[in-house]
Protein backbone atom coordinates (compact mmCIF):
# COMPACT_ATOMS: atom_id res chain seq x y z
CA MET A 1 -123.53 36.83 -23.37
CA LYS A 2 -125.96 35.06 -21.31
CA THR A 3 -128.54 38.10 -21.14
CA LEU A 4 -128.19 38.27 -25.07
CA CYS A 5 -128.89 34.80 -25.58
CA LYS A 6 -131.90 34.96 -23.95
CA LEU A 7 -133.82 37.51 -25.41
CA ASN A 8 -137.15 36.81 -26.78
CA PRO A 9 -137.72 33.40 -25.53
CA LEU A 10 -140.96 33.07 -27.35
CA ILE A 11 -138.90 33.65 -30.83
CA LEU A 12 -136.44 30.97 -29.92
CA GLU A 13 -139.28 28.59 -28.87
CA LEU A 14 -140.98 29.19 -31.97
CA SER A 15 -137.72 28.78 -34.14
CA LEU A 16 -137.28 25.07 -32.77
CA VAL A 17 -140.77 24.34 -33.55
CA LEU A 18 -140.59 25.43 -37.01
CA LYS A 19 -137.11 23.81 -37.59
CA ASN A 20 -139.01 20.46 -36.20
CA ILE A 21 -141.62 21.04 -38.83
CA ILE A 22 -139.04 21.84 -41.85
CA LYS A 23 -136.51 19.76 -40.74
CA PRO A 24 -135.64 18.37 -44.29
CA GLN A 25 -135.40 21.69 -45.59
CA ILE A 26 -132.94 23.08 -43.04
CA LEU A 27 -130.84 19.94 -42.62
CA ALA A 28 -128.56 20.51 -45.65
CA VAL A 29 -127.60 23.89 -43.99
CA ILE A 30 -126.86 23.08 -40.57
CA SER A 31 -122.89 23.38 -39.92
CA LEU A 32 -120.73 23.43 -36.89
CA GLU A 33 -120.02 27.24 -37.75
CA GLN A 34 -123.55 28.01 -37.29
CA ILE A 35 -123.85 25.67 -34.24
CA LYS A 36 -121.02 27.41 -32.53
CA GLU A 37 -122.21 30.88 -32.88
CA PRO A 38 -123.58 31.52 -29.71
CA ILE A 39 -120.22 30.16 -28.06
CA ARG A 40 -118.04 31.46 -30.84
CA LYS A 41 -115.96 33.77 -28.40
CA GLU A 42 -115.61 31.35 -25.81
CA MET A 43 -114.63 28.51 -28.58
CA ALA A 44 -111.73 30.88 -29.54
CA ASP A 45 -110.41 31.36 -25.71
CA PHE A 46 -110.65 27.51 -25.29
CA GLU A 47 -108.22 26.96 -27.82
CA TYR A 48 -105.79 29.37 -26.46
CA LYS A 49 -106.37 28.14 -22.89
CA PHE A 50 -106.16 24.42 -24.13
CA GLN A 51 -102.81 24.96 -25.92
CA LYS A 52 -101.47 26.94 -23.09
CA SER A 53 -102.41 23.88 -20.83
CA VAL A 54 -100.38 21.31 -22.92
CA TYR A 55 -97.26 23.26 -23.01
CA THR A 56 -94.32 22.01 -21.84
CA ARG A 57 -90.17 22.38 -21.62
CA VAL A 58 -89.34 19.14 -22.89
CA ALA A 59 -88.77 20.18 -26.66
CA LEU A 60 -89.66 16.55 -28.31
CA LEU A 61 -93.03 16.73 -26.12
CA ASN A 62 -93.83 20.35 -27.37
CA ARG A 63 -93.25 19.37 -30.87
CA ILE A 64 -95.96 16.50 -30.45
CA MET A 65 -98.14 18.81 -28.68
CA THR A 66 -97.83 21.36 -31.62
CA TYR A 67 -98.73 18.58 -34.13
CA ILE A 68 -101.97 17.41 -32.09
CA VAL A 69 -103.06 20.94 -31.56
CA LYS A 70 -103.02 21.83 -35.10
CA ARG A 71 -104.53 18.68 -36.48
CA LYS A 72 -107.77 19.10 -33.88
CA GLY A 73 -110.76 17.56 -34.81
CA LYS A 74 -114.37 19.35 -34.83
CA GLN A 75 -114.30 19.79 -31.19
CA ILE A 76 -117.78 18.46 -30.62
CA ARG A 77 -116.95 17.66 -26.94
CA PRO A 78 -115.88 20.89 -25.67
CA ILE A 79 -118.74 22.32 -27.68
CA LEU A 80 -121.00 20.25 -25.89
CA VAL A 81 -119.41 21.49 -22.48
CA PHE A 82 -120.09 24.91 -23.37
CA LEU A 83 -123.72 24.65 -24.89
CA SER A 84 -124.49 22.68 -21.47
CA ALA A 85 -123.14 25.22 -19.36
CA GLY A 86 -124.88 28.10 -21.41
CA ILE A 87 -128.35 26.17 -21.03
CA THR A 88 -128.02 25.57 -17.29
CA GLY A 89 -126.39 28.65 -16.09
CA GLU A 90 -123.47 31.46 -16.80
CA ILE A 91 -120.49 29.96 -18.49
CA SER A 92 -117.57 30.33 -16.08
CA GLU A 93 -113.65 29.80 -15.95
CA LYS A 94 -114.70 26.21 -14.48
CA THR A 95 -116.65 25.81 -17.48
CA PHE A 96 -113.43 26.32 -19.51
CA ARG A 97 -111.61 23.91 -17.13
CA GLY A 98 -114.13 21.49 -17.90
CA ALA A 99 -113.84 21.60 -21.53
CA SER A 100 -109.89 21.28 -21.61
CA LEU A 101 -110.32 18.35 -19.18
CA VAL A 102 -112.41 16.63 -21.43
CA GLU A 103 -110.34 17.49 -24.63
CA LEU A 104 -107.35 16.23 -22.93
CA LEU A 105 -108.80 12.91 -21.59
CA HIS A 106 -110.61 12.20 -25.35
CA THR A 107 -107.16 12.91 -26.96
CA ALA A 108 -105.36 10.82 -24.78
CA THR A 109 -107.79 7.62 -25.14
CA LEU A 110 -107.43 8.37 -29.38
CA ILE A 111 -103.59 7.85 -29.24
CA HIS A 112 -103.99 4.82 -26.80
CA ASP A 113 -106.62 3.43 -29.26
CA ASP A 114 -104.30 4.19 -32.31
CA VAL A 115 -101.69 2.24 -30.60
CA VAL A 116 -104.06 -0.61 -29.48
CA ASP A 117 -105.33 -0.91 -33.03
CA ASP A 118 -102.38 -0.79 -34.63
CA SER A 119 -103.80 2.24 -36.54
CA PHE A 120 -101.58 4.35 -38.66
CA GLU A 121 -103.70 7.35 -39.75
CA ARG A 122 -106.30 9.67 -37.61
CA ARG A 123 -108.30 12.14 -38.89
CA GLY A 124 -106.70 11.71 -42.64
CA PHE A 125 -103.12 12.34 -40.99
CA PHE A 126 -100.48 10.17 -39.36
CA SER A 127 -101.22 8.82 -35.88
CA LEU A 128 -98.56 9.56 -33.49
CA ASN A 129 -97.53 5.86 -33.31
CA ALA A 130 -97.29 6.18 -37.06
CA LEU A 131 -94.67 8.77 -36.74
CA TRP A 132 -92.95 8.36 -33.31
CA LYS A 133 -93.69 4.54 -32.65
CA ASN A 134 -95.54 3.11 -29.75
CA LYS A 135 -93.62 3.78 -27.07
CA ILE A 136 -93.65 7.51 -27.39
CA ALA A 137 -97.25 7.62 -28.47
CA VAL A 138 -98.20 5.98 -25.09
CA LEU A 139 -96.03 8.31 -23.07
CA VAL A 140 -98.05 11.23 -24.64
CA GLY A 141 -101.22 9.62 -24.11
CA ASP A 142 -100.02 9.10 -20.40
CA TYR A 143 -98.91 13.04 -20.57
CA LEU A 144 -102.14 14.06 -21.45
CA LEU A 145 -104.14 12.11 -18.84
CA ALA A 146 -101.82 13.58 -16.10
CA ARG A 147 -102.27 17.13 -17.68
CA GLY A 148 -106.00 16.48 -17.19
CA LEU A 149 -105.69 15.40 -13.72
CA LEU A 150 -103.47 18.11 -12.57
CA LEU A 151 -105.96 20.84 -14.07
CA SER A 152 -108.73 19.46 -11.98
CA VAL A 153 -106.31 18.78 -9.08
CA ASP A 154 -104.51 22.44 -8.84
CA ASN A 155 -108.21 24.36 -8.88
CA GLN A 156 -110.26 21.77 -6.79
CA ASP A 157 -112.63 20.58 -9.20
CA PHE A 158 -112.85 17.32 -7.69
CA ASP A 159 -116.63 17.17 -8.87
CA LEU A 160 -115.63 17.39 -12.52
CA LEU A 161 -112.69 15.02 -11.93
CA GLY A 162 -115.20 12.61 -10.37
CA ILE A 163 -117.33 12.66 -13.42
CA SER A 164 -114.72 12.42 -16.10
CA SER A 165 -113.08 9.59 -13.98
CA THR A 166 -116.62 7.56 -14.09
CA ALA A 167 -116.31 8.20 -17.94
CA VAL A 168 -112.87 6.88 -18.36
CA LYS A 169 -113.68 3.59 -16.16
CA ALA A 170 -117.01 3.03 -18.30
CA MET A 171 -114.62 3.30 -21.54
CA SER A 172 -112.25 0.78 -20.82
CA GLU A 173 -114.94 -1.49 -19.34
CA GLY A 174 -116.99 -1.14 -22.59
CA GLU A 175 -113.83 -1.82 -24.82
CA LEU A 176 -112.92 -4.98 -22.84
CA LEU A 177 -116.27 -6.07 -23.00
CA GLN A 178 -116.15 -5.66 -26.87
CA LEU A 179 -112.92 -7.66 -27.03
CA GLU A 180 -114.25 -10.25 -25.20
CA LYS A 181 -117.38 -10.98 -27.33
CA THR A 182 -115.60 -10.08 -30.63
CA ARG A 183 -113.66 -13.41 -30.13
CA LYS A 184 -117.22 -15.28 -30.12
CA LEU A 185 -119.32 -13.29 -32.86
CA ASN A 186 -122.53 -13.83 -30.30
CA LEU A 187 -123.17 -10.53 -29.77
CA GLN A 188 -126.77 -9.61 -29.06
CA GLU A 189 -128.65 -5.98 -29.01
CA PRO A 190 -128.71 -5.54 -25.42
CA GLU A 191 -125.08 -6.32 -25.19
CA TYR A 192 -124.33 -4.00 -28.21
CA LEU A 193 -126.16 -0.82 -26.56
CA ASP A 194 -124.20 -1.73 -23.02
CA ILE A 195 -120.84 -1.48 -25.03
CA ILE A 196 -121.56 1.69 -26.79
CA ARG A 197 -123.37 3.03 -23.72
CA MET A 198 -119.78 2.57 -22.03
CA LYS A 199 -117.51 3.23 -25.04
CA THR A 200 -119.19 6.17 -26.61
CA ALA A 201 -121.90 7.68 -24.70
CA SER A 202 -120.46 7.94 -21.14
CA LEU A 203 -117.88 10.56 -22.45
CA ILE A 204 -120.43 12.67 -24.18
CA ALA A 205 -122.82 12.30 -21.24
CA SER A 206 -119.66 13.54 -19.02
CA CYS A 207 -119.15 16.55 -21.50
CA CYS A 208 -122.71 17.61 -20.71
CA ALA A 209 -122.73 16.94 -16.99
CA MET A 210 -119.53 18.60 -16.46
CA GLY A 211 -121.04 21.70 -18.47
CA ALA A 212 -123.92 21.91 -16.16
CA LYS A 213 -121.87 21.24 -13.11
CA SER A 214 -119.32 24.05 -13.98
CA VAL A 215 -122.48 26.63 -13.47
CA THR A 216 -124.71 25.12 -10.91
CA ASP A 217 -124.48 22.70 -7.69
CA ASP A 218 -128.24 21.47 -8.57
CA MET A 219 -127.56 17.81 -8.93
CA THR A 220 -130.85 17.44 -10.46
CA VAL A 221 -130.27 19.69 -13.40
CA VAL A 222 -126.94 17.92 -13.49
CA GLU A 223 -128.13 14.59 -13.98
CA ARG A 224 -130.67 15.42 -16.69
CA MET A 225 -127.93 17.04 -19.00
CA ARG A 226 -125.94 13.86 -18.01
CA GLN A 227 -128.83 11.54 -19.28
CA PHE A 228 -129.43 13.98 -22.20
CA GLY A 229 -125.79 13.52 -23.50
CA GLU A 230 -126.03 9.62 -22.94
CA TYR A 231 -129.01 9.87 -25.30
CA VAL A 232 -126.96 11.96 -27.89
CA GLY A 233 -123.94 9.56 -27.36
CA MET A 234 -126.14 6.23 -28.11
CA ALA A 235 -127.40 8.20 -31.26
CA PHE A 236 -124.22 9.22 -32.52
CA GLN A 237 -122.50 5.71 -31.88
CA ILE A 238 -125.36 4.31 -34.13
CA LYS A 239 -124.74 6.44 -36.80
CA ASP A 240 -120.83 5.69 -36.54
CA ASP A 241 -121.76 2.18 -37.10
CA LEU A 242 -124.02 2.86 -39.82
CA PHE A 243 -120.94 4.14 -41.88
CA ASP A 244 -119.55 0.88 -41.95
CA TYR A 245 -121.80 -0.34 -44.38
CA SER A 246 -121.97 2.63 -46.86
CA ASP A 247 -120.62 2.44 -50.27
CA GLY A 248 -117.36 4.79 -49.15
CA GLY A 249 -117.02 8.60 -48.91
CA MET A 250 -119.02 8.90 -45.45
CA GLY A 251 -116.30 9.46 -42.95
CA LYS A 252 -114.40 6.29 -41.96
CA PRO A 253 -113.40 3.89 -44.34
CA SER A 254 -116.22 1.21 -44.86
CA GLY A 255 -115.85 -2.07 -43.58
CA ILE A 256 -113.51 -1.36 -40.86
CA ASP A 257 -116.03 -2.89 -38.18
CA ILE A 258 -116.19 -6.07 -40.19
CA LYS A 259 -112.58 -6.23 -40.51
CA GLU A 260 -112.01 -6.05 -36.85
CA LYS A 261 -115.02 -8.74 -36.65
CA LYS A 262 -117.02 -6.25 -34.60
CA LEU A 263 -120.88 -7.05 -34.61
CA THR A 264 -123.04 -3.63 -34.61
CA LEU A 265 -126.38 -2.81 -34.49
CA PRO A 266 -127.09 -3.60 -38.74
CA MET A 267 -125.51 -6.78 -38.64
CA ILE A 268 -127.04 -8.09 -35.26
CA PHE A 269 -130.51 -7.03 -36.11
CA ALA A 270 -130.04 -8.78 -39.75
CA MET A 271 -128.42 -11.92 -38.60
CA ASN A 272 -131.57 -12.43 -36.30
CA GLN A 273 -133.93 -12.21 -39.23
CA VAL A 274 -132.36 -15.16 -41.08
CA SER A 275 -132.37 -19.03 -40.74
CA LYS A 276 -129.19 -21.09 -39.09
CA PRO A 277 -127.82 -21.89 -42.32
CA GLU A 278 -127.52 -18.29 -43.53
CA HIS A 279 -126.36 -17.21 -40.28
CA LYS A 280 -123.85 -19.76 -40.16
CA LYS A 281 -122.61 -18.38 -43.61
CA VAL A 282 -122.28 -14.89 -42.33
CA ILE A 283 -120.26 -15.81 -39.59
CA LYS A 284 -118.09 -17.60 -41.49
CA THR A 285 -117.99 -14.88 -44.08
CA ILE A 286 -116.79 -12.35 -41.12
CA GLU A 287 -114.38 -14.73 -39.77
CA GLY A 288 -112.62 -15.10 -42.94
CA TYR A 289 -112.93 -11.54 -44.12
CA ASP A 290 -109.55 -10.05 -45.45
CA SER A 291 -110.93 -6.97 -47.18
CA ASP A 292 -111.89 -8.80 -50.35
CA LYS A 293 -114.55 -6.59 -52.21
CA LYS A 294 -116.90 -9.62 -53.17
CA LYS A 295 -117.25 -10.50 -49.44
CA PHE A 296 -117.65 -7.19 -48.32
CA ARG A 297 -120.41 -6.55 -51.17
CA TYR A 298 -121.91 -9.86 -49.72
CA LEU A 299 -122.02 -8.43 -46.22
CA VAL A 300 -123.36 -5.14 -47.09
CA ASP A 301 -126.07 -6.59 -49.52
CA PHE A 302 -127.08 -8.72 -46.78
CA VAL A 303 -127.44 -6.12 -43.99
CA LYS A 304 -129.27 -4.16 -46.14
CA ASN A 305 -131.62 -6.66 -47.51
CA ASN A 306 -132.50 -7.76 -43.88
CA GLY A 307 -133.47 -4.52 -42.64
CA GLY A 308 -130.44 -3.88 -40.72
CA ILE A 309 -129.73 -0.42 -41.84
CA THR A 310 -133.61 0.49 -41.56
CA TYR A 311 -133.66 -0.85 -37.93
CA ALA A 312 -130.27 0.66 -36.82
CA GLU A 313 -131.93 3.96 -37.95
CA SER A 314 -135.05 3.77 -36.51
CA ARG A 315 -133.07 2.98 -33.10
CA MET A 316 -131.04 6.10 -33.68
CA MET A 317 -134.02 8.07 -33.95
CA GLU A 318 -135.55 6.68 -30.94
CA TYR A 319 -132.24 8.17 -28.80
CA GLN A 320 -132.53 11.43 -30.72
CA ASP A 321 -135.89 11.69 -29.62
CA GLN A 322 -135.64 10.97 -26.07
CA ALA A 323 -132.54 13.52 -26.24
CA PHE A 324 -134.73 16.19 -27.69
CA ALA A 325 -137.54 15.59 -24.78
CA ILE A 326 -135.07 16.27 -21.99
CA LEU A 327 -133.23 18.99 -23.95
CA ASN A 328 -137.03 20.86 -24.34
CA SER A 329 -137.45 20.72 -20.80
CA PHE A 330 -134.65 23.55 -20.31
CA SER A 331 -135.57 27.38 -20.94
CA PRO A 332 -135.29 28.56 -24.40
CA SER A 333 -131.99 30.16 -25.37
CA ALA A 334 -129.62 30.33 -28.28
CA TYR A 335 -127.64 27.61 -26.46
CA ARG A 336 -130.52 25.21 -26.52
CA GLU A 337 -131.21 26.02 -30.04
CA SER A 338 -127.63 25.48 -30.86
CA MET A 339 -127.68 22.06 -28.97
CA HIS A 340 -130.85 21.11 -30.56
CA ASP A 341 -128.75 21.84 -34.18
CA LEU A 342 -126.02 19.39 -32.55
CA VAL A 343 -128.03 16.53 -32.16
CA ILE A 344 -129.33 16.79 -35.33
CA TYR A 345 -125.80 17.21 -36.85
CA THR A 346 -124.63 14.19 -35.11
CA THR A 347 -127.41 11.97 -36.76
CA LYS A 348 -127.33 13.66 -40.04
CA ARG A 349 -123.49 14.30 -40.65
CA GLU A 350 -121.92 12.22 -43.41
CA LYS A 351 -118.32 11.59 -41.47
């Protein structure tokens, strides 16, 4: 597979150059199915291996695992692992274990997040805590964490375990930092960037680092892929935060961050452009926000009229360009081409 994907590197390199030139024309046709093309077989094998890894003899737990597996998301994180491995070496069984570890940890954190946030919906379906209550949901999250740990320990993948544990630690710190800042509504851009670097970018960075580490011991290469993933993760989260100020129909419901009193980059920038009286008015509106449509419209218009959307989009594209600068330092291949498309997908997605 690796040999086939590296045929005609000049053609692949030219393809990437052309995509940059005619980017507006190709955006409409990029899909995850196209992006997965070089790793289609690996992703199919991964689904089987992942289902096997979460099987249990406990009937209730097994029913819950079946529910989780059938409602899998886009699987962007395993895709990142496989593409990163393909870019830096030959995909191996260790790559599959790295992808499973990432998916187990990610799923566990989502379950725990739903409990913490009292969220009863996940990906358009009932969350586990909505169906089986908080106690069972927390225990299922713990089970998935344990399965991930055992998968690594049993195969002596201590390097992958170290990478993933660092990410989980950063994610927890980021959540706590955001909770602390939410109470005061005084978040500034450097702190916001620190939070999303820890909360979101750390896991995406770990996916890319684990993919590389599963096929090479060259730590310079692993670090380059980790840094690439961090830039992608920063762009990904800024895009996610922009959805909050959409008019609906763009993924997560609009106004969620506002309702939870989370200041994100569009609002942070806009608030720094206005006088103290208007700044206080916005803070007061956020503090008293109760899903009122008029208040939401006021806040969305405030952000748009003061350049918050435009600024956030420009920062997102800066991170995308930084990711491309690292990605283009690797040899041309179908894996690299798909990774390029995946980066575009994260910043142009509508959900």
